[in-house]
Amino acid sequence: MRITSSMLAKNYMGNLNASLSKLDKLQSQLATNRKYAHISDDPISVIYSNQAKYKLSRLSHYQKNVETAQNWLLQAEAGLSDLNEVIKSAYEAAIGAATDISTPEDKRNASAYIGQLRDQVLQSLNTAFGEKYIYGGYNTTGYTDSGKNQPPFTINGSGHLCYNGIDATDPANSPIFDEMMKDVLTFDVGVGSDVEVTVNGLRLAFFGNDPLTGAPKNIYNLLSDLYETVHSGASTEDISSYLPDLQTSQSHLLALMAEFGGRTNRLDILSTRYAQDEINYTQMKSDAEDADQAEVIMNYKMAESVYKAALSTGAYIIQPTLMDFLR
């Protein structure tokens, strides 16, 4: 076929525009440090980038949950430690009051001290994280009684420990509390994985049943009864009878503290793993999105050389016109 000047010029301009388009794309990569400006530029990289962004988003959610769960566990452990120290101090005070050399004045002083420890038990059971009660299960805001907001644990007119306004020492209420004991605040810390960040207050406060009456034993009423016994100037045998229950309650608290320690270690492991996952997913996102600057610069220089060569060649391809002769 016959090759005309117009065909050469047309092909030349098309190739020149293609070179300019390539230069524009490479210049855009240099300016933005991204492999693509449109999905059509690199569909596979776009897919990998979106997957990495989705995983980073979910990972950020779990990391926040783990951090919040650690704060809750820290506060819950502090409350357990306080209760453990209270029981330890009450045990020492009971031993001191149960000695034969203890005078009535000594017993009155010991009873006053035990009374303060008893009040501290109630305060520790109502430990709060911000405005939310730690040991209230899902009832973190307390309950309403006569139009006033009350903490989960209160004392009724008979001096019995109540949970959400219900006498927790009455065996008739055991079925209700068996269901309420299952309410424990949990946090979602992974795909199909959650962790309890506290312990139900009933499980914390109660440590067994009275073998004679079947009534459940709790830490508050144990110290309250010990206070009354020591204050009344009871015998050494009567005061000493509380020591086994004090030891049992302390063992109960120590078992819960060990359980909390295991949860804390689990969250620490998750936090470390998520930190490493964040690095991996960020690297995956960078590999999909970020341009290799050295490679882009090299390609740009090559494309620039090709474009300049094309311009030089064009001077020979485009034939002189009448205007060139008229000059």
C-alpha atoms as a PDB file:
ATOM      1  CA  MET A   1       0.000   0.000   0.000  1.00  0.00           C
ATOM      2  CA  ARG A   2       1.051   3.551  -0.522  1.00  0.00           C
ATOM      3  CA  ILE A   3       2.391   5.368   2.565  1.00  0.00           C
ATOM      4  CA  THR A   4       1.463   9.019   2.453  1.00  0.00           C
ATOM      5  CA  SER A   5       2.858  11.940   4.415  1.00  0.00           C
ATOM      6  CA  SER A   6      -0.431  12.406   6.222  1.00  0.00           C
ATOM      7  CA  MET A   7      -0.333   8.779   7.400  1.00  0.00           C
ATOM      8  CA  LEU A   8       3.169   9.241   8.774  1.00  0.00           C
ATOM      9  CA  ALA A   9       2.163  12.436  10.531  1.00  0.00           C
ATOM     10  CA  LYS A  10      -0.956  10.836  11.996  1.00  0.00           C
ATOM     11  CA  ASN A  11       0.935   7.798  13.330  1.00  0.00           C
ATOM     12  CA  TYR A  12       3.638  10.056  14.655  1.00  0.00           C
ATOM     13  CA  MET A  13       1.182  12.205  16.603  1.00  0.00           C
ATOM     14  CA  GLY A  14      -0.545   9.124  18.052  1.00  0.00           C
ATOM     15  CA  ASN A  15       2.747   7.666  19.261  1.00  0.00           C
ATOM     16  CA  LEU A  16       3.826  11.036  20.603  1.00  0.00           C
ATOM     17  CA  ASN A  17       0.624  11.350  22.604  1.00  0.00           C
ATOM     18  CA  ALA A  18       1.145   7.809  23.959  1.00  0.00           C
ATOM     19  CA  SER A  19       4.631   8.838  25.115  1.00  0.00           C
ATOM     20  CA  LEU A  20       3.160  11.930  26.771  1.00  0.00           C
ATOM     21  CA  SER A  21       0.517   9.796  28.519  1.00  0.00           C
ATOM     22  CA  LYS A  22       3.214   7.507  29.865  1.00  0.00           C
ATOM     23  CA  LEU A  23       5.205  10.504  31.083  1.00  0.00           C
ATOM     24  CA  ASP A  24       2.072  11.892  32.766  1.00  0.00           C
ATOM     25  CA  LYS A  25       1.425   8.577  34.564  1.00  0.00           C
ATOM     26  CA  LEU A  26       5.024   8.313  35.766  1.00  0.00           C
ATOM     27  CA  GLN A  27       5.034  11.957  36.870  1.00  0.00           C
ATOM     28  CA  SER A  28       1.813  11.320  38.838  1.00  0.00           C
ATOM     29  CA  GLN A  29       3.441   8.328  40.572  1.00  0.00           C
ATOM     30  CA  LEU A  30       6.411  10.481  41.532  1.00  0.00           C
ATOM     31  CA  ALA A  31       4.174  13.240  42.910  1.00  0.00           C
ATOM     32  CA  THR A  32       1.743  11.009  44.860  1.00  0.00           C
ATOM     33  CA  ASN A  33       3.995   8.004  45.582  1.00  0.00           C
ATOM     34  CA  ARG A  34       1.094   5.741  44.569  1.00  0.00           C
ATOM     35  CA  LYS A  35       1.107   3.047  41.927  1.00  0.00           C
ATOM     36  CA  TYR A  36      -2.311   3.953  40.626  1.00  0.00           C
ATOM     37  CA  ALA A  37      -4.634   6.919  40.334  1.00  0.00           C
ATOM     38  CA  HIS A  38      -7.563   4.927  38.938  1.00  0.00           C
ATOM     39  CA  ILE A  39      -8.769   1.370  39.475  1.00  0.00           C
ATOM     40  CA  SER A  40      -8.044   0.571  35.855  1.00  0.00           C
ATOM     41  CA  ASP A  41      -4.370   1.425  36.343  1.00  0.00           C
ATOM     42  CA  ASP A  42      -3.741  -1.694  38.478  1.00  0.00           C
ATOM     43  CA  PRO A  43      -6.872  -3.661  39.519  1.00  0.00           C
ATOM     44  CA  ILE A  44      -4.929  -6.368  41.398  1.00  0.00           C
ATOM     45  CA  SER A  45      -3.125  -3.809  43.576  1.00  0.00           C
ATOM     46  CA  VAL A  46      -6.445  -2.093  44.302  1.00  0.00           C
ATOM     47  CA  ILE A  47      -7.895  -5.401  45.546  1.00  0.00           C
ATOM     48  CA  TYR A  48      -4.921  -6.080  47.820  1.00  0.00           C
ATOM     49  CA  SER A  49      -4.998  -2.501  49.098  1.00  0.00           C
ATOM     50  CA  ASN A  50      -8.701  -2.671  50.001  1.00  0.00           C
ATOM     51  CA  GLN A  51      -8.213  -6.023  51.745  1.00  0.00           C
ATOM     52  CA  ALA A  52      -5.371  -4.568  53.821  1.00  0.00           C
ATOM     53  CA  LYS A  53      -7.445  -1.478  54.705  1.00  0.00           C
ATOM     54  CA  TYR A  54     -10.362  -3.673  55.838  1.00  0.00           C
ATOM     55  CA  LYS A  55      -8.095  -5.819  57.995  1.00  0.00           C
ATOM     56  CA  LEU A  56      -6.458  -2.738  59.520  1.00  0.00           C
ATOM     57  CA  SER A  57      -9.886  -1.296  60.308  1.00  0.00           C
ATOM     58  CA  ARG A  58     -11.022  -4.462  62.107  1.00  0.00           C
ATOM     59  CA  LEU A  59      -7.667  -4.745  63.831  1.00  0.00           C
ATOM     60  CA  SER A  60      -8.002  -1.189  65.139  1.00  0.00           C
ATOM     61  CA  HIS A  61     -11.420  -2.104  66.604  1.00  0.00           C
ATOM     62  CA  TYR A  62     -10.027  -5.146  68.396  1.00  0.00           C
ATOM     63  CA  GLN A  63      -6.992  -3.210  69.632  1.00  0.00           C
ATOM     64  CA  LYS A  64      -9.272  -0.599  71.228  1.00  0.00           C
ATOM     65  CA  ASN A  65     -11.351  -3.360  72.833  1.00  0.00           C
ATOM     66  CA  VAL A  66      -8.238  -5.038  74.213  1.00  0.00           C
ATOM     67  CA  GLU A  67      -7.012  -1.736  75.640  1.00  0.00           C
ATOM     68  CA  THR A  68     -10.384  -1.032  77.277  1.00  0.00           C
ATOM     69  CA  ALA A  69     -10.571  -4.595  78.607  1.00  0.00           C
ATOM     70  CA  GLN A  70      -7.110  -4.214  80.146  1.00  0.00           C
ATOM     71  CA  ASN A  71      -8.251  -1.045  81.932  1.00  0.00           C
ATOM     72  CA  TRP A  72     -11.334  -2.831  83.297  1.00  0.00           C
ATOM     73  CA  LEU A  73      -9.259  -5.793  84.449  1.00  0.00           C
ATOM     74  CA  LEU A  74      -6.759  -3.484  86.116  1.00  0.00           C
ATOM     75  CA  GLN A  75      -9.527  -1.765  88.083  1.00  0.00           C
ATOM     76  CA  ALA A  76     -11.177  -5.089  88.947  1.00  0.00           C
ATOM     77  CA  GLU A  77      -7.851  -6.481  90.197  1.00  0.00           C
ATOM     78  CA  ALA A  78      -7.403  -3.389  92.347  1.00  0.00           C
ATOM     79  CA  GLY A  79     -10.774  -4.074  93.993  1.00  0.00           C
ATOM     80  CA  LEU A  80      -9.818  -7.712  94.598  1.00  0.00           C
ATOM     81  CA  SER A  81      -6.510  -6.662  96.123  1.00  0.00           C
ATOM     82  CA  ASP A  82      -8.335  -4.260  98.443  1.00  0.00           C
ATOM     83  CA  LEU A  83     -10.689  -7.013  99.610  1.00  0.00           C
ATOM     84  CA  ASN A  84      -7.792  -9.377 100.137  1.00  0.00           C
ATOM     85  CA  GLU A  85      -5.994  -6.806 102.302  1.00  0.00           C
ATOM     86  CA  VAL A  86      -9.206  -6.232 104.281  1.00  0.00           C
ATOM     87  CA  ILE A  87      -9.622  -9.945 105.019  1.00  0.00           C
ATOM     88  CA  LYS A  88      -5.945 -10.237 105.904  1.00  0.00           C
ATOM     89  CA  SER A  89      -6.204  -7.312 108.342  1.00  0.00           C
ATOM     90  CA  ALA A  90      -9.430  -8.686 109.846  1.00  0.00           C
ATOM     91  CA  TYR A  91      -7.778 -12.074 110.353  1.00  0.00           C
ATOM     92  CA  GLU A  92      -4.849 -10.472 112.180  1.00  0.00           C
ATOM     93  CA  ALA A  93      -7.221  -8.367 114.308  1.00  0.00           C
ATOM     94  CA  ALA A  94      -9.276 -11.458 115.190  1.00  0.00           C
ATOM     95  CA  ILE A  95      -6.170 -13.356 116.258  1.00  0.00           C
ATOM     96  CA  GLY A  96      -5.106 -10.422 118.417  1.00  0.00           C
ATOM     97  CA  ALA A  97      -8.557 -10.196 120.046  1.00  0.00           C
ATOM     98  CA  ALA A  98      -8.694 -13.964 120.634  1.00  0.00           C
ATOM     99  CA  THR A  99      -5.587 -14.092 122.822  1.00  0.00           C
ATOM    100  CA  ASP A 100      -5.960 -14.697 126.553  1.00  0.00           C
ATOM    101  CA  ILE A 101      -4.034 -11.533 127.378  1.00  0.00           C
ATOM    102  CA  SER A 102      -6.453  -9.364 125.399  1.00  0.00           C
ATOM    103  CA  THR A 103      -8.217  -6.896 127.717  1.00  0.00           C
ATOM    104  CA  PRO A 104     -11.790  -5.587 127.230  1.00  0.00           C
ATOM    105  CA  GLU A 105     -10.284  -2.320 126.062  1.00  0.00           C
ATOM    106  CA  ASP A 106      -8.193  -4.173 123.498  1.00  0.00           C
ATOM    107  CA  LYS A 107     -11.285  -5.952 122.227  1.00  0.00           C
ATOM    108  CA  ARG A 108     -13.200  -2.677 121.893  1.00  0.00           C
ATOM    109  CA  ASN A 109     -10.344  -1.222 119.884  1.00  0.00           C
ATOM    110  CA  ALA A 110     -10.191  -4.355 117.724  1.00  0.00           C
ATOM    111  CA  SER A 111     -13.960  -4.249 117.152  1.00  0.00           C
ATOM    112  CA  ALA A 112     -13.778  -0.606 116.048  1.00  0.00           C
ATOM    113  CA  TYR A 113     -11.026  -1.535 113.612  1.00  0.00           C
ATOM    114  CA  ILE A 114     -12.991  -4.518 112.278  1.00  0.00           C
ATOM    115  CA  GLY A 115     -16.031  -2.259 111.883  1.00  0.00           C
ATOM    116  CA  GLN A 116     -14.042   0.021 109.601  1.00  0.00           C
ATOM    117  CA  LEU A 117     -12.831  -2.987 107.617  1.00  0.00           C
ATOM    118  CA  ARG A 118     -16.444  -4.138 107.248  1.00  0.00           C
ATOM    119  CA  ASP A 119     -17.427  -0.760 105.802  1.00  0.00           C
ATOM    120  CA  GLN A 120     -14.467  -0.942 103.431  1.00  0.00           C
ATOM    121  CA  VAL A 121     -15.754  -4.278 102.122  1.00  0.00           C
ATOM    122  CA  LEU A 122     -18.979  -2.603 100.998  1.00  0.00           C
ATOM    123  CA  GLN A 123     -17.030   0.198  99.339  1.00  0.00           C
ATOM    124  CA  SER A 124     -14.765  -2.300  97.537  1.00  0.00           C
ATOM    125  CA  LEU A 125     -17.746  -4.335  96.318  1.00  0.00           C
ATOM    126  CA  ASN A 126     -19.097  -1.125  94.779  1.00  0.00           C
ATOM    127  CA  THR A 127     -15.804  -0.295  93.043  1.00  0.00           C
ATOM    128  CA  ALA A 128     -16.458   1.810  89.943  1.00  0.00           C
ATOM    129  CA  PHE A 129     -14.547   2.442  86.720  1.00  0.00           C
ATOM    130  CA  GLY A 130     -15.506   5.985  85.854  1.00  0.00           C
ATOM    131  CA  GLU A 131     -19.267   5.976  86.477  1.00  0.00           C
ATOM    132  CA  LYS A 132     -19.726   2.233  85.919  1.00  0.00           C
ATOM    133  CA  TYR A 133     -19.724  -0.337  88.706  1.00  0.00           C
ATOM    134  CA  ILE A 134     -17.171  -3.075  88.152  1.00  0.00           C
ATOM    135  CA  TYR A 135     -18.882  -5.953  89.980  1.00  0.00           C
ATOM    136  CA  GLY A 136     -22.484  -5.253  88.980  1.00  0.00           C
ATOM    137  CA  GLY A 137     -22.506  -7.616  86.001  1.00  0.00           C
ATOM    138  CA  TYR A 138     -24.293  -5.955  83.086  1.00  0.00           C
ATOM    139  CA  ASN A 139     -25.991  -3.652  85.586  1.00  0.00           C
ATOM    140  CA  THR A 140     -23.072  -1.230  85.550  1.00  0.00           C
ATOM    141  CA  THR A 141     -25.167   1.810  86.462  1.00  0.00           C
ATOM    142  CA  GLY A 142     -26.680   0.418  89.689  1.00  0.00           C
ATOM    143  CA  TYR A 143     -30.407   0.262  90.330  1.00  0.00           C
ATOM    144  CA  THR A 144     -33.117   2.792  91.152  1.00  0.00           C
ATOM    145  CA  ASP A 145     -34.879   2.728  94.509  1.00  0.00           C
ATOM    146  CA  SER A 146     -37.447   5.367  95.506  1.00  0.00           C
ATOM    147  CA  GLY A 147     -36.282   7.575  92.675  1.00  0.00           C
ATOM    148  CA  LYS A 148     -32.641   7.467  93.794  1.00  0.00           C
ATOM    149  CA  ASN A 149     -29.799   5.661  92.069  1.00  0.00           C
ATOM    150  CA  GLN A 150     -28.229   3.009  94.297  1.00  0.00           C
ATOM    151  CA  PRO A 151     -25.007   0.991  93.860  1.00  0.00           C
ATOM    152  CA  PRO A 152     -25.345  -2.780  93.264  1.00  0.00           C
ATOM    153  CA  PHE A 153     -24.487  -3.686  96.859  1.00  0.00           C
ATOM    154  CA  THR A 154     -26.413  -2.146  99.747  1.00  0.00           C
ATOM    155  CA  ILE A 155     -27.314  -3.071 103.331  1.00  0.00           C
ATOM    156  CA  ASN A 156     -30.951  -3.466 104.348  1.00  0.00           C
ATOM    157  CA  GLY A 157     -32.522  -2.642 107.712  1.00  0.00           C
ATOM    158  CA  SER A 158     -31.609  -6.090 109.070  1.00  0.00           C
ATOM    159  CA  GLY A 159     -27.945  -5.541 108.293  1.00  0.00           C
ATOM    160  CA  HIS A 160     -27.974  -8.112 105.467  1.00  0.00           C
ATOM    161  CA  LEU A 161     -26.049  -7.678 102.241  1.00  0.00           C
ATOM    162  CA  CYS A 162     -28.363  -6.939  99.290  1.00  0.00           C
ATOM    163  CA  TYR A 163     -27.630  -7.168  95.580  1.00  0.00           C
ATOM    164  CA  ASN A 164     -29.695  -4.852  93.394  1.00  0.00           C
ATOM    165  CA  GLY A 165     -32.117  -4.389  96.284  1.00  0.00           C
ATOM    166  CA  ILE A 166     -32.653  -8.123  96.910  1.00  0.00           C
ATOM    167  CA  ASP A 167     -31.552  -9.779 100.156  1.00  0.00           C
ATOM    168  CA  ALA A 168     -28.624 -11.918  99.049  1.00  0.00           C
ATOM    169  CA  THR A 169     -28.474 -13.850 102.336  1.00  0.00           C
ATOM    170  CA  ASP A 170     -31.971 -15.315 102.032  1.00  0.00           C
ATOM    171  CA  PRO A 171     -31.774 -18.919 100.704  1.00  0.00           C
ATOM    172  CA  ALA A 172     -35.192 -18.406  99.051  1.00  0.00           C
ATOM    173  CA  ASN A 173     -33.548 -15.961  96.631  1.00  0.00           C
ATOM    174  CA  SER A 174     -30.893 -18.457  95.506  1.00  0.00           C
ATOM    175  CA  PRO A 175     -32.631 -19.337  92.186  1.00  0.00           C
ATOM    176  CA  ILE A 176     -32.725 -15.653  91.268  1.00  0.00           C
ATOM    177  CA  PHE A 177     -29.080 -15.134  92.070  1.00  0.00           C
ATOM    178  CA  ASP A 178     -28.048 -18.307  90.262  1.00  0.00           C
ATOM    179  CA  GLU A 179     -29.271 -16.654  87.069  1.00  0.00           C
ATOM    180  CA  MET A 180     -27.872 -13.226  87.945  1.00  0.00           C
ATOM    181  CA  MET A 181     -24.449 -14.752  88.619  1.00  0.00           C
ATOM    182  CA  LYS A 182     -24.152 -15.593  84.917  1.00  0.00           C
ATOM    183  CA  ASP A 183     -24.145 -11.887  84.039  1.00  0.00           C
ATOM    184  CA  VAL A 184     -20.505 -10.967  83.531  1.00  0.00           C
ATOM    185  CA  LEU A 185     -19.307  -8.102  81.369  1.00  0.00           C
ATOM    186  CA  THR A 186     -17.326  -9.365  78.357  1.00  0.00           C
ATOM    187  CA  PHE A 187     -15.413  -7.687  75.540  1.00  0.00           C
ATOM    188  CA  ASP A 188     -15.061  -8.872  71.957  1.00  0.00           C
ATOM    189  CA  VAL A 189     -11.283  -9.105  71.470  1.00  0.00           C
ATOM    190  CA  GLY A 190     -11.091 -11.165  68.288  1.00  0.00           C
ATOM    191  CA  VAL A 191     -12.997 -13.100  65.670  1.00  0.00           C
ATOM    192  CA  GLY A 192     -15.227 -15.419  67.697  1.00  0.00           C
ATOM    193  CA  SER A 193     -13.247 -14.616  70.848  1.00  0.00           C
ATOM    194  CA  ASP A 194     -14.287 -12.666  73.932  1.00  0.00           C
ATOM    195  CA  VAL A 195     -12.943 -12.280  77.452  1.00  0.00           C
ATOM    196  CA  GLU A 196     -14.567 -11.519  80.793  1.00  0.00           C
ATOM    197  CA  VAL A 197     -13.190  -8.255  82.122  1.00  0.00           C
ATOM    198  CA  THR A 198     -14.576  -8.547  85.635  1.00  0.00           C
ATOM    199  CA  VAL A 199     -16.335 -10.989  87.954  1.00  0.00           C
ATOM    200  CA  ASN A 200     -19.954 -11.034  88.995  1.00  0.00           C
ATOM    201  CA  GLY A 201     -20.355  -9.367  92.394  1.00  0.00           C
ATOM    202  CA  LEU A 202     -22.279 -12.321  93.825  1.00  0.00           C
ATOM    203  CA  ARG A 203     -19.457 -14.692  92.960  1.00  0.00           C
ATOM    204  CA  LEU A 204     -17.001 -12.249  94.503  1.00  0.00           C
ATOM    205  CA  ALA A 205     -18.849 -11.568  97.764  1.00  0.00           C
ATOM    206  CA  PHE A 206     -20.054 -15.115  98.525  1.00  0.00           C
ATOM    207  CA  PHE A 207     -17.723 -17.966  99.346  1.00  0.00           C
ATOM    208  CA  GLY A 208     -19.928 -20.827 100.635  1.00  0.00           C
ATOM    209  CA  ASN A 209     -23.020 -21.850 102.578  1.00  0.00           C
ATOM    210  CA  ASP A 210     -23.621 -22.202 106.288  1.00  0.00           C
ATOM    211  CA  PRO A 211     -23.633 -25.959 107.034  1.00  0.00           C
ATOM    212  CA  LEU A 212     -26.421 -25.546 109.629  1.00  0.00           C
ATOM    213  CA  THR A 213     -28.842 -23.095 108.041  1.00  0.00           C
ATOM    214  CA  GLY A 214     -27.858 -23.417 104.393  1.00  0.00           C
ATOM    215  CA  ALA A 215     -27.677 -19.627 104.141  1.00  0.00           C
ATOM    216  CA  PRO A 216     -24.980 -18.357 101.790  1.00  0.00           C
ATOM    217  CA  LYS A 217     -21.937 -16.810 103.469  1.00  0.00           C
ATOM    218  CA  ASN A 218     -20.567 -13.491 102.311  1.00  0.00           C
ATOM    219  CA  ILE A 219     -17.575 -11.371 103.214  1.00  0.00           C
ATOM    220  CA  TYR A 220     -19.532  -8.372 104.482  1.00  0.00           C
ATOM    221  CA  ASN A 221     -21.771 -10.228 106.935  1.00  0.00           C
ATOM    222  CA  LEU A 222     -18.794 -12.343 108.060  1.00  0.00           C
ATOM    223  CA  LEU A 223     -16.962  -9.203 109.185  1.00  0.00           C
ATOM    224  CA  SER A 224     -20.190  -7.732 110.549  1.00  0.00           C
ATOM    225  CA  ASP A 225     -20.760 -10.798 112.742  1.00  0.00           C
ATOM    226  CA  LEU A 226     -17.107 -10.770 113.795  1.00  0.00           C
ATOM    227  CA  TYR A 227     -17.469  -7.115 114.746  1.00  0.00           C
ATOM    228  CA  GLU A 228     -20.522  -7.828 116.920  1.00  0.00           C
ATOM    229  CA  THR A 229     -18.811 -10.796 118.560  1.00  0.00           C
ATOM    230  CA  VAL A 230     -15.598  -8.926 119.415  1.00  0.00           C
ATOM    231  CA  HIS A 231     -17.517  -5.810 120.493  1.00  0.00           C
ATOM    232  CA  SER A 232     -19.609  -7.845 122.920  1.00  0.00           C
ATOM    233  CA  GLY A 233     -16.454  -9.094 124.645  1.00  0.00           C
ATOM    234  CA  ALA A 234     -17.042 -12.733 123.664  1.00  0.00           C
ATOM    235  CA  SER A 235     -14.738 -15.528 124.682  1.00  0.00           C
ATOM    236  CA  THR A 236     -11.589 -16.566 122.885  1.00  0.00           C
ATOM    237  CA  GLU A 237     -13.341 -19.644 121.482  1.00  0.00           C
ATOM    238  CA  ASP A 238     -16.172 -17.581 119.995  1.00  0.00           C
ATOM    239  CA  ILE A 239     -13.785 -15.176 118.284  1.00  0.00           C
ATOM    240  CA  SER A 240     -11.543 -18.010 117.075  1.00  0.00           C
ATOM    241  CA  SER A 241     -14.527 -19.702 115.431  1.00  0.00           C
ATOM    242  CA  TYR A 242     -14.437 -17.006 112.727  1.00  0.00           C
ATOM    243  CA  LEU A 243     -10.854 -17.747 111.705  1.00  0.00           C
ATOM    244  CA  PRO A 244     -11.654 -20.719 109.381  1.00  0.00           C
ATOM    245  CA  ASP A 245     -14.211 -18.659 107.476  1.00  0.00           C
ATOM    246  CA  LEU A 246     -11.745 -15.791 107.168  1.00  0.00           C
ATOM    247  CA  GLN A 247      -9.171 -18.183 105.732  1.00  0.00           C
ATOM    248  CA  THR A 248     -11.744 -19.673 103.350  1.00  0.00           C
ATOM    249  CA  SER A 249     -12.822 -16.240 102.132  1.00  0.00           C
ATOM    250  CA  GLN A 250      -9.212 -15.234 101.553  1.00  0.00           C
ATOM    251  CA  SER A 251      -8.530 -18.428  99.587  1.00  0.00           C
ATOM    252  CA  HIS A 252     -11.621 -17.625  97.545  1.00  0.00           C
ATOM    253  CA  LEU A 253     -10.279 -14.166  96.746  1.00  0.00           C
ATOM    254  CA  LEU A 254      -6.813 -15.472  95.893  1.00  0.00           C
ATOM    255  CA  ALA A 255      -8.338 -17.967  93.436  1.00  0.00           C
ATOM    256  CA  LEU A 256     -10.178 -15.108  91.720  1.00  0.00           C
ATOM    257  CA  MET A 257      -6.977 -13.049  91.588  1.00  0.00           C
ATOM    258  CA  ALA A 258      -5.176 -15.962  89.914  1.00  0.00           C
ATOM    259  CA  GLU A 259      -7.991 -16.166  87.377  1.00  0.00           C
ATOM    260  CA  PHE A 260      -7.684 -12.451  86.697  1.00  0.00           C
ATOM    261  CA  GLY A 261      -3.948 -12.846  86.253  1.00  0.00           C
ATOM    262  CA  GLY A 262      -4.574 -15.421  83.530  1.00  0.00           C
ATOM    263  CA  ARG A 263      -6.973 -13.083  81.735  1.00  0.00           C
ATOM    264  CA  THR A 264      -4.472 -10.240  81.939  1.00  0.00           C
ATOM    265  CA  ASN A 265      -1.734 -12.410  80.426  1.00  0.00           C
ATOM    266  CA  ARG A 266      -4.108 -13.443  77.654  1.00  0.00           C
ATOM    267  CA  LEU A 267      -4.844  -9.816  76.810  1.00  0.00           C
ATOM    268  CA  ASP A 268      -1.135  -8.965  76.880  1.00  0.00           C
ATOM    269  CA  ILE A 269      -0.463 -11.752  74.362  1.00  0.00           C
ATOM    270  CA  LEU A 270      -3.303 -10.506  72.149  1.00  0.00           C
ATOM    271  CA  SER A 271      -2.024  -6.943  72.341  1.00  0.00           C
ATOM    272  CA  THR A 272       1.461  -8.050  71.249  1.00  0.00           C
ATOM    273  CA  ARG A 273       0.072 -10.152  68.410  1.00  0.00           C
ATOM    274  CA  TYR A 274      -2.183  -7.350  67.171  1.00  0.00           C
ATOM    275  CA  ALA A 275       0.753  -4.939  67.177  1.00  0.00           C
ATOM    276  CA  GLN A 276       2.666  -7.349  64.919  1.00  0.00           C
ATOM    277  CA  ASP A 277      -0.403  -7.866  62.722  1.00  0.00           C
ATOM    278  CA  GLU A 278      -0.701  -4.108  62.296  1.00  0.00           C
ATOM    279  CA  ILE A 279       2.862  -3.987  60.999  1.00  0.00           C
ATOM    280  CA  ASN A 280       2.189  -6.861  58.579  1.00  0.00           C
ATOM    281  CA  TYR A 281      -1.055  -5.394  57.213  1.00  0.00           C
ATOM    282  CA  THR A 282       0.514  -1.953  56.887  1.00  0.00           C
ATOM    283  CA  GLN A 283       3.342  -3.518  54.887  1.00  0.00           C
ATOM    284  CA  MET A 284       0.777  -5.328  52.731  1.00  0.00           C
ATOM    285  CA  LYS A 285      -1.028  -2.030  52.099  1.00  0.00           C
ATOM    286  CA  SER A 286       2.249  -0.293  51.297  1.00  0.00           C
ATOM    287  CA  ASP A 287       3.274  -3.010  48.835  1.00  0.00           C
ATOM    288  CA  ALA A 288      -0.057  -2.653  47.040  1.00  0.00           C
ATOM    289  CA  GLU A 289      -0.217   1.145  46.974  1.00  0.00           C
ATOM    290  CA  ASP A 290       3.219   2.711  47.221  1.00  0.00           C
ATOM    291  CA  ALA A 291       5.370   3.179  44.135  1.00  0.00           C
ATOM    292  CA  ASP A 292       9.056   2.260  44.074  1.00  0.00           C
ATOM    293  CA  GLN A 293      10.597   5.716  43.727  1.00  0.00           C
ATOM    294  CA  ALA A 294      13.889   4.481  42.278  1.00  0.00           C
ATOM    295  CA  GLU A 295      12.123   2.382  39.654  1.00  0.00           C
ATOM    296  CA  VAL A 296       9.676   5.192  38.779  1.00  0.00           C
ATOM    297  CA  ILE A 297      12.497   7.723  38.353  1.00  0.00           C
ATOM    298  CA  MET A 298      14.404   5.319  36.124  1.00  0.00           C
ATOM    299  CA  ASN A 299      11.324   4.646  33.995  1.00  0.00           C
ATOM    300  CA  TYR A 300      10.546   8.353  33.840  1.00  0.00           C
ATOM    301  CA  LYS A 301      14.019   9.162  32.555  1.00  0.00           C
ATOM    302  CA  MET A 302      13.731   6.441  29.935  1.00  0.00           C
ATOM    303  CA  ALA A 303      10.309   7.682  28.843  1.00  0.00           C
ATOM    304  CA  GLU A 304      11.626  11.240  28.743  1.00  0.00           C
ATOM    305  CA  SER A 305      14.501  10.159  26.494  1.00  0.00           C
ATOM    306  CA  VAL A 306      12.076   8.349  24.213  1.00  0.00           C
ATOM    307  CA  TYR A 307       9.841  11.428  24.040  1.00  0.00           C
ATOM    308  CA  LYS A 308      12.761  13.718  23.151  1.00  0.00           C
ATOM    309  CA  ALA A 309      13.939  11.267  20.521  1.00  0.00           C
ATOM    310  CA  ALA A 310      10.421  11.185  19.107  1.00  0.00           C
ATOM    311  CA  LEU A 311      10.351  14.951  18.875  1.00  0.00           C
ATOM    312  CA  SER A 312      13.684  14.907  17.065  1.00  0.00           C
ATOM    313  CA  THR A 313      12.512  12.203  14.663  1.00  0.00           C
ATOM    314  CA  GLY A 314       9.304  14.089  13.991  1.00  0.00           C
ATOM    315  CA  ALA A 315      11.254  16.864  12.333  1.00  0.00           C
ATOM    316  CA  TYR A 316      12.227  14.394   9.622  1.00  0.00           C
ATOM    317  CA  ILE A 317       8.873  12.656   9.336  1.00  0.00           C
ATOM    318  CA  ILE A 318       6.762  15.772   8.825  1.00  0.00           C
ATOM    319  CA  GLN A 319       7.592  17.010   5.352  1.00  0.00           C
ATOM    320  CA  PRO A 320       8.343  20.661   4.630  1.00  0.00           C
ATOM    321  CA  THR A 321       5.362  22.756   3.557  1.00  0.00           C
ATOM    322  CA  LEU A 322       5.024  25.746   1.252  1.00  0.00           C
ATOM    323  CA  MET A 323       5.420  28.013   4.285  1.00  0.00           C
ATOM    324  CA  ASP A 324       8.946  26.670   4.823  1.00  0.00           C
ATOM    325  CA  PHE A 325       9.889  27.808   1.271  1.00  0.00           C
ATOM    326  CA  LEU A 326       8.155  31.175   1.630  1.00  0.00           C
ATOM    327  CA  ARG A 327      10.417  31.961   4.585  1.00  0.00           C
END
